[in-house]
Amino acid sequence: MEVMPEAKTVKSAAKKSPVKAKKAAVKKAAPKKESGEFAVIETGGKQYVASVGDILTIEKLTGDMKEGAKVTFDKVLLVDDGKNSTTVGDPYIKGAKVKGSLLEEGKAKKIDVIKFKSKSRYFKKRGHRQPFMKVKIEALK
């Protein structure tokens, strides 16, 4: 019995339906992430999944920090070691910390906020640029 290569399977799916071929190609092209340890942290009113080496774009933190400054997140909601154990906090895990370093501080693209009411000559246009910080995760403890 001869095994057909995966490329032929995608081509045969293209003959039947172009949508199925596209889905098959997307499934094959998706990179697999290594199964390692990760943590869920809370900062700026949002939750982020962090693992070592990740670069997160988070809300701006208070205080004066320069690029290269060390950042510690102590509001850790969940820790998974990538093998068997998962620890869930109530609401936070005591003693758990995620350490990182500040890569960049900046502002996002400008968004326009428009208020308009028809037939009443009411039009307001405002712009806003949200400040952000990019943090590289270095250690989970």
N, C-alpha and C. Protein backbone atom coordinates (compact mmCIF):
# COMPACT_ATOMS: atom_id res chain seq x y z
N MET A 1 0.84 -1.19 0.00
CA MET A 1 0.00 0.00 0.00
C MET A 1 0.88 1.24 0.00
N GLU A 2 0.61 2.18 -0.89
CA GLU A 2 1.41 3.38 -1.04
C GLU A 2 0.76 4.54 -0.30
N VAL A 3 1.57 5.28 0.47
CA VAL A 3 1.07 6.43 1.24
C VAL A 3 1.20 7.67 0.37
N MET A 4 0.10 8.42 0.28
CA MET A 4 0.10 9.63 -0.53
C MET A 4 0.66 10.79 0.28
N PRO A 5 1.49 11.65 -0.34
CA PRO A 5 1.99 12.83 0.38
C PRO A 5 0.85 13.79 0.72
N GLU A 6 1.12 14.66 1.71
CA GLU A 6 0.09 15.58 2.18
C GLU A 6 -0.30 16.60 1.11
N ALA A 7 0.64 16.97 0.23
CA ALA A 7 0.35 17.97 -0.79
C ALA A 7 -0.73 17.46 -1.75
N LYS A 8 -0.71 16.18 -2.05
CA LYS A 8 -1.72 15.62 -2.95
C LYS A 8 -3.09 15.66 -2.29
N THR A 9 -3.13 15.47 -0.98
CA THR A 9 -4.39 15.53 -0.27
C THR A 9 -5.00 16.93 -0.40
N VAL A 10 -4.17 17.97 -0.30
CA VAL A 10 -4.66 19.34 -0.42
C VAL A 10 -5.16 19.59 -1.84
N LYS A 11 -4.44 19.08 -2.85
CA LYS A 11 -4.86 19.28 -4.24
C LYS A 11 -6.19 18.58 -4.50
N SER A 12 -6.33 17.37 -3.97
CA SER A 12 -7.59 16.66 -4.20
C SER A 12 -8.75 17.37 -3.51
N ALA A 13 -8.48 17.99 -2.38
CA ALA A 13 -9.52 18.76 -1.71
C ALA A 13 -9.88 20.00 -2.51
N ALA A 14 -8.90 20.57 -3.24
CA ALA A 14 -9.15 21.76 -4.05
C ALA A 14 -10.10 21.44 -5.20
N LYS A 15 -10.01 20.24 -5.74
CA LYS A 15 -10.91 19.85 -6.82
C LYS A 15 -12.34 19.77 -6.32
N LYS A 16 -12.52 19.33 -5.10
CA LYS A 16 -13.86 19.19 -4.55
C LYS A 16 -14.43 20.54 -4.12
N SER A 17 -13.68 21.27 -3.31
CA SER A 17 -14.16 22.54 -2.78
C SER A 17 -12.98 23.44 -2.45
N PRO A 18 -12.93 24.66 -2.97
CA PRO A 18 -11.81 25.55 -2.67
C PRO A 18 -11.75 25.96 -1.21
N VAL A 19 -12.90 25.99 -0.53
CA VAL A 19 -12.91 26.37 0.88
C VAL A 19 -12.22 25.31 1.72
N LYS A 20 -12.50 24.03 1.45
CA LYS A 20 -11.86 22.95 2.20
C LYS A 20 -10.36 22.94 1.95
N ALA A 21 -9.95 23.22 0.73
CA ALA A 21 -8.52 23.25 0.43
C ALA A 21 -7.82 24.35 1.20
N LYS A 22 -8.47 25.50 1.31
CA LYS A 22 -7.88 26.62 2.04
C LYS A 22 -7.75 26.28 3.52
N LYS A 23 -8.79 25.66 4.10
CA LYS A 23 -8.73 25.27 5.50
C LYS A 23 -7.65 24.23 5.73
N ALA A 24 -7.52 23.27 4.81
CA ALA A 24 -6.50 22.23 4.94
C ALA A 24 -5.11 22.85 4.87
N ALA A 25 -4.92 23.83 3.99
CA ALA A 25 -3.62 24.48 3.88
C ALA A 25 -3.31 25.28 5.13
N VAL A 26 -4.30 25.93 5.72
CA VAL A 26 -4.08 26.71 6.93
C VAL A 26 -3.72 25.81 8.09
N LYS A 27 -4.39 24.66 8.21
CA LYS A 27 -4.09 23.75 9.30
C LYS A 27 -2.67 23.22 9.21
N LYS A 28 -2.19 22.95 8.03
CA LYS A 28 -0.85 22.41 7.85
C LYS A 28 0.22 23.47 8.08
N ALA A 29 -0.10 24.74 7.74
CA ALA A 29 0.89 25.80 7.82
C ALA A 29 1.02 26.39 9.22
N ALA A 30 0.06 26.14 10.12
CA ALA A 30 0.09 26.73 11.45
C ALA A 30 1.27 26.19 12.25
N PRO A 31 2.13 27.06 12.79
CA PRO A 31 3.27 26.58 13.57
C PRO A 31 2.82 26.04 14.92
N LYS A 32 3.51 25.01 15.37
CA LYS A 32 3.18 24.43 16.67
C LYS A 32 4.01 25.12 17.74
N LYS A 33 3.35 25.53 18.80
CA LYS A 33 4.04 26.16 19.91
C LYS A 33 4.54 25.07 20.86
N GLU A 34 5.75 25.27 21.34
CA GLU A 34 6.30 24.30 22.27
C GLU A 34 5.45 24.24 23.53
N SER A 35 5.25 23.03 24.03
CA SER A 35 4.48 22.90 25.27
C SER A 35 5.43 23.13 26.43
N GLY A 36 5.36 24.31 26.99
CA GLY A 36 6.22 24.67 28.10
C GLY A 36 5.41 25.33 29.19
N GLU A 37 6.11 25.86 30.15
CA GLU A 37 5.40 26.49 31.25
C GLU A 37 4.92 27.88 30.84
N PHE A 38 3.79 28.28 31.43
CA PHE A 38 3.23 29.59 31.16
C PHE A 38 2.48 30.06 32.40
N ALA A 39 2.17 31.34 32.41
CA ALA A 39 1.43 31.93 33.52
C ALA A 39 0.44 32.94 32.94
N VAL A 40 -0.64 33.15 33.66
CA VAL A 40 -1.61 34.19 33.31
C VAL A 40 -1.46 35.30 34.33
N ILE A 41 -1.12 36.50 33.84
CA ILE A 41 -0.91 37.63 34.73
C ILE A 41 -1.97 38.69 34.48
N GLU A 42 -2.16 39.55 35.47
CA GLU A 42 -3.11 40.66 35.35
C GLU A 42 -2.36 41.96 35.52
N THR A 43 -2.52 42.86 34.54
CA THR A 43 -1.93 44.19 34.64
C THR A 43 -2.75 45.14 33.78
N GLY A 44 -2.96 46.33 34.27
CA GLY A 44 -3.71 47.33 33.52
C GLY A 44 -5.16 46.95 33.29
N GLY A 45 -5.74 46.13 34.17
CA GLY A 45 -7.13 45.73 34.02
C GLY A 45 -7.35 44.66 32.98
N LYS A 46 -6.27 44.08 32.45
CA LYS A 46 -6.37 43.03 31.43
C LYS A 46 -5.55 41.82 31.87
N GLN A 47 -5.83 40.68 31.25
CA GLN A 47 -5.11 39.46 31.56
C GLN A 47 -4.28 39.05 30.34
N TYR A 48 -3.06 38.56 30.59
CA TYR A 48 -2.15 38.17 29.53
C TYR A 48 -1.58 36.79 29.83
N VAL A 49 -1.40 35.98 28.79
CA VAL A 49 -0.72 34.70 28.92
C VAL A 49 0.75 34.97 28.65
N ALA A 50 1.61 34.61 29.59
CA ALA A 50 3.03 34.91 29.47
C ALA A 50 3.86 33.64 29.63
N SER A 51 4.81 33.45 28.75
CA SER A 51 5.80 32.39 28.90
C SER A 51 7.17 33.01 28.63
N VAL A 52 8.22 32.32 29.00
CA VAL A 52 9.57 32.86 28.90
C VAL A 52 9.89 33.15 27.43
N GLY A 53 10.36 34.36 27.16
CA GLY A 53 10.72 34.76 25.81
C GLY A 53 9.63 35.53 25.08
N ASP A 54 8.43 35.57 25.61
CA ASP A 54 7.33 36.30 24.96
C ASP A 54 7.53 37.80 25.11
N ILE A 55 7.03 38.55 24.11
CA ILE A 55 7.03 40.00 24.17
C ILE A 55 5.58 40.44 24.23
N LEU A 56 5.20 41.08 25.34
CA LEU A 56 3.83 41.51 25.57
C LEU A 56 3.71 43.02 25.39
N THR A 57 2.63 43.45 24.74
CA THR A 57 2.31 44.87 24.65
C THR A 57 1.22 45.13 25.68
N ILE A 58 1.59 45.84 26.74
CA ILE A 58 0.68 46.04 27.87
C ILE A 58 0.36 47.52 28.02
N GLU A 59 -0.62 47.82 28.89
CA GLU A 59 -0.94 49.19 29.24
C GLU A 59 0.26 49.81 29.95
N LYS A 60 0.40 51.11 29.82
CA LYS A 60 1.52 51.80 30.44
C LYS A 60 1.47 51.66 31.95
N LEU A 61 2.61 51.34 32.55
CA LEU A 61 2.73 51.20 34.00
C LEU A 61 3.07 52.56 34.60
N THR A 62 2.66 52.75 35.85
CA THR A 62 2.94 54.01 36.53
C THR A 62 4.40 54.08 36.96
N GLY A 63 4.89 55.28 37.09
CA GLY A 63 6.27 55.47 37.53
C GLY A 63 7.18 55.76 36.35
N ASP A 64 8.35 56.28 36.66
CA ASP A 64 9.34 56.58 35.62
C ASP A 64 10.21 55.35 35.39
N MET A 65 10.12 54.79 34.21
CA MET A 65 10.94 53.64 33.84
C MET A 65 11.61 53.92 32.51
N LYS A 66 12.82 53.46 32.39
CA LYS A 66 13.56 53.61 31.14
C LYS A 66 13.69 52.24 30.49
N GLU A 67 14.05 52.25 29.22
CA GLU A 67 14.23 50.99 28.50
C GLU A 67 15.31 50.16 29.18
N GLY A 68 15.02 48.87 29.35
CA GLY A 68 15.95 47.97 30.04
C GLY A 68 15.63 47.80 31.51
N ALA A 69 14.68 48.57 32.03
CA ALA A 69 14.31 48.47 33.44
C ALA A 69 13.64 47.12 33.72
N LYS A 70 13.85 46.61 34.90
CA LYS A 70 13.26 45.33 35.31
C LYS A 70 11.84 45.57 35.82
N VAL A 71 10.92 44.68 35.42
CA VAL A 71 9.51 44.78 35.80
C VAL A 71 9.12 43.46 36.44
N THR A 72 8.38 43.52 37.55
CA THR A 72 7.90 42.33 38.23
C THR A 72 6.39 42.38 38.34
N PHE A 73 5.73 41.33 37.86
CA PHE A 73 4.28 41.22 37.96
C PHE A 73 3.96 40.23 39.08
N ASP A 74 3.28 40.71 40.13
CA ASP A 74 2.96 39.83 41.25
C ASP A 74 1.50 39.39 41.25
N LYS A 75 0.69 39.93 40.35
CA LYS A 75 -0.71 39.49 40.25
C LYS A 75 -0.79 38.34 39.25
N VAL A 76 -0.43 37.15 39.72
CA VAL A 76 -0.42 35.95 38.88
C VAL A 76 -1.69 35.16 39.18
N LEU A 77 -2.47 34.92 38.14
CA LEU A 77 -3.76 34.23 38.31
C LEU A 77 -3.64 32.72 38.14
N LEU A 78 -2.72 32.26 37.28
CA LEU A 78 -2.60 30.84 36.98
C LEU A 78 -1.18 30.53 36.56
N VAL A 79 -0.67 29.37 36.98
CA VAL A 79 0.66 28.92 36.57
C VAL A 79 0.54 27.47 36.14
N ASP A 80 1.11 27.15 34.96
CA ASP A 80 1.14 25.79 34.45
C ASP A 80 2.59 25.45 34.14
N ASP A 81 3.07 24.31 34.64
CA ASP A 81 4.47 23.94 34.45
C ASP A 81 4.72 23.24 33.12
N GLY A 82 3.69 22.99 32.33
CA GLY A 82 3.86 22.36 31.03
C GLY A 82 3.88 20.85 31.08
N LYS A 83 3.75 20.27 32.27
CA LYS A 83 3.79 18.81 32.39
C LYS A 83 2.50 18.29 32.99
N ASN A 84 2.39 18.39 34.31
CA ASN A 84 1.22 17.81 34.97
C ASN A 84 0.48 18.76 35.89
N SER A 85 1.16 19.72 36.46
CA SER A 85 0.49 20.52 37.49
C SER A 85 0.11 21.90 37.00
N THR A 86 -1.08 22.31 37.38
CA THR A 86 -1.59 23.64 37.12
C THR A 86 -2.07 24.21 38.44
N THR A 87 -1.62 25.42 38.76
CA THR A 87 -2.01 26.08 40.00
C THR A 87 -2.89 27.27 39.66
N VAL A 88 -4.05 27.31 40.26
CA VAL A 88 -5.00 28.39 40.03
C VAL A 88 -5.12 29.20 41.31
N GLY A 89 -5.06 30.52 41.18
CA GLY A 89 -5.12 31.40 42.34
C GLY A 89 -6.53 31.71 42.76
N ASP A 90 -6.63 32.29 43.96
CA ASP A 90 -7.94 32.64 44.50
C ASP A 90 -7.90 34.03 45.11
N PRO A 91 -7.88 35.15 44.45
CA PRO A 91 -7.78 35.30 43.00
C PRO A 91 -6.35 35.25 42.50
N TYR A 92 -5.34 35.47 43.36
CA TYR A 92 -3.95 35.46 42.94
C TYR A 92 -3.20 34.35 43.67
N ILE A 93 -2.10 33.92 43.08
CA ILE A 93 -1.24 32.90 43.69
C ILE A 93 -0.22 33.61 44.56
N LYS A 94 -0.18 33.25 45.85
CA LYS A 94 0.75 33.89 46.77
C LYS A 94 2.17 33.42 46.45
N GLY A 95 3.08 34.38 46.38
CA GLY A 95 4.49 34.06 46.15
C GLY A 95 4.86 33.87 44.69
N ALA A 96 3.92 33.82 43.78
CA ALA A 96 4.24 33.65 42.37
C ALA A 96 4.54 35.01 41.74
N LYS A 97 5.58 35.05 40.91
CA LYS A 97 5.97 36.29 40.26
C LYS A 97 6.41 36.00 38.83
N VAL A 98 6.20 36.97 37.98
CA VAL A 98 6.68 36.92 36.60
C VAL A 98 7.60 38.11 36.42
N LYS A 99 8.84 37.84 35.98
CA LYS A 99 9.82 38.91 35.84
C LYS A 99 10.09 39.17 34.37
N GLY A 100 10.28 40.45 34.05
CA GLY A 100 10.55 40.83 32.67
C GLY A 100 11.36 42.11 32.61
N SER A 101 11.67 42.52 31.39
CA SER A 101 12.40 43.77 31.21
C SER A 101 11.67 44.62 30.18
N LEU A 102 11.74 45.92 30.36
CA LEU A 102 11.05 46.87 29.50
C LEU A 102 11.85 47.06 28.21
N LEU A 103 11.21 46.78 27.07
CA LEU A 103 11.87 46.94 25.79
C LEU A 103 11.59 48.30 25.16
N GLU A 104 10.33 48.72 25.24
CA GLU A 104 9.94 49.93 24.52
C GLU A 104 8.75 50.58 25.21
N GLU A 105 8.71 51.89 25.11
CA GLU A 105 7.58 52.66 25.62
C GLU A 105 7.14 53.59 24.51
N GLY A 106 5.84 53.63 24.22
CA GLY A 106 5.40 54.47 23.12
C GLY A 106 3.91 54.71 23.14
N LYS A 107 3.41 55.19 22.00
CA LYS A 107 1.99 55.43 21.84
C LYS A 107 1.51 54.66 20.61
N ALA A 108 0.29 54.15 20.70
CA ALA A 108 -0.29 53.40 19.60
C ALA A 108 -0.76 54.37 18.51
N LYS A 109 -1.26 53.82 17.41
CA LYS A 109 -1.77 54.65 16.33
C LYS A 109 -2.96 55.47 16.83
N LYS A 110 -3.16 56.61 16.20
CA LYS A 110 -4.25 57.49 16.59
C LYS A 110 -5.58 56.91 16.16
N ILE A 111 -6.54 56.96 17.08
CA ILE A 111 -7.91 56.57 16.74
C ILE A 111 -8.78 57.81 16.81
N ASP A 112 -9.75 57.88 15.93
CA ASP A 112 -10.67 59.01 15.89
C ASP A 112 -11.97 58.64 16.57
N VAL A 113 -12.44 59.50 17.44
CA VAL A 113 -13.72 59.32 18.10
C VAL A 113 -14.64 60.40 17.56
N ILE A 114 -15.71 59.98 16.88
CA ILE A 114 -16.61 60.94 16.24
C ILE A 114 -18.01 60.81 16.84
N LYS A 115 -18.58 61.95 17.24
CA LYS A 115 -19.96 62.00 17.71
C LYS A 115 -20.74 62.82 16.68
N PHE A 116 -21.86 62.27 16.22
CA PHE A 116 -22.61 62.92 15.16
C PHE A 116 -24.10 62.68 15.36
N LYS A 117 -24.87 63.74 15.20
CA LYS A 117 -26.33 63.62 15.20
C LYS A 117 -26.85 64.28 13.94
N SER A 118 -27.60 63.55 13.18
CA SER A 118 -28.08 64.09 11.91
C SER A 118 -29.18 65.14 12.14
N LYS A 119 -29.27 66.03 11.22
CA LYS A 119 -30.32 67.07 11.18
C LYS A 119 -30.25 68.05 12.35
N SER A 120 -29.15 68.08 13.09
CA SER A 120 -29.07 69.02 14.21
C SER A 120 -27.74 69.76 14.24
N ARG A 121 -26.96 69.60 13.21
CA ARG A 121 -25.66 70.27 13.08
C ARG A 121 -24.74 69.97 14.26
N TYR A 122 -24.78 68.73 14.73
CA TYR A 122 -23.92 68.33 15.86
C TYR A 122 -22.85 67.39 15.34
N PHE A 123 -21.58 67.78 15.46
CA PHE A 123 -20.46 66.96 15.01
C PHE A 123 -19.26 67.26 15.90
N LYS A 124 -18.72 66.24 16.55
CA LYS A 124 -17.52 66.39 17.38
C LYS A 124 -16.52 65.34 16.94
N LYS A 125 -15.28 65.75 16.75
CA LYS A 125 -14.23 64.81 16.36
C LYS A 125 -13.06 64.98 17.32
N ARG A 126 -12.69 63.90 17.95
CA ARG A 126 -11.57 63.89 18.89
C ARG A 126 -10.63 62.77 18.50
N GLY A 127 -9.36 62.95 18.80
CA GLY A 127 -8.36 61.91 18.55
C GLY A 127 -7.76 61.43 19.86
N HIS A 128 -7.22 60.22 19.82
CA HIS A 128 -6.63 59.65 21.03
C HIS A 128 -5.53 58.68 20.64
N ARG A 129 -4.40 58.74 21.33
CA ARG A 129 -3.31 57.78 21.16
C ARG A 129 -3.06 57.12 22.51
N GLN A 130 -3.28 55.81 22.56
CA GLN A 130 -3.15 55.07 23.81
C GLN A 130 -1.68 54.76 24.10
N PRO A 131 -1.17 55.12 25.26
CA PRO A 131 0.22 54.77 25.59
C PRO A 131 0.34 53.28 25.90
N PHE A 132 1.50 52.70 25.55
CA PHE A 132 1.74 51.28 25.80
C PHE A 132 3.19 51.05 26.19
N MET A 133 3.46 49.84 26.67
CA MET A 133 4.81 49.39 26.96
C MET A 133 4.99 47.99 26.41
N LYS A 134 6.17 47.71 25.86
CA LYS A 134 6.49 46.36 25.41
C LYS A 134 7.44 45.76 26.43
N VAL A 135 7.06 44.59 26.94
CA VAL A 135 7.83 43.92 27.98
C VAL A 135 8.21 42.53 27.51
N LYS A 136 9.48 42.17 27.69
CA LYS A 136 9.94 40.82 27.36
C LYS A 136 9.97 40.01 28.65
N ILE A 137 9.29 38.86 28.64
CA ILE A 137 9.22 38.00 29.82
C ILE A 137 10.51 37.20 29.93
N GLU A 138 11.15 37.26 31.11
CA GLU A 138 12.43 36.60 31.32
C GLU A 138 12.34 35.39 32.24
N ALA A 139 11.46 35.42 33.25
CA ALA A 139 11.40 34.31 34.20
C ALA A 139 10.03 34.21 34.82
N LEU A 140 9.63 32.96 35.11
CA LEU A 140 8.40 32.67 35.86
C LEU A 140 8.82 32.04 37.18
N LYS A 141 8.37 32.62 38.29
CA LYS A 141 8.75 32.07 39.60
C LYS A 141 7.54 31.88 40.46
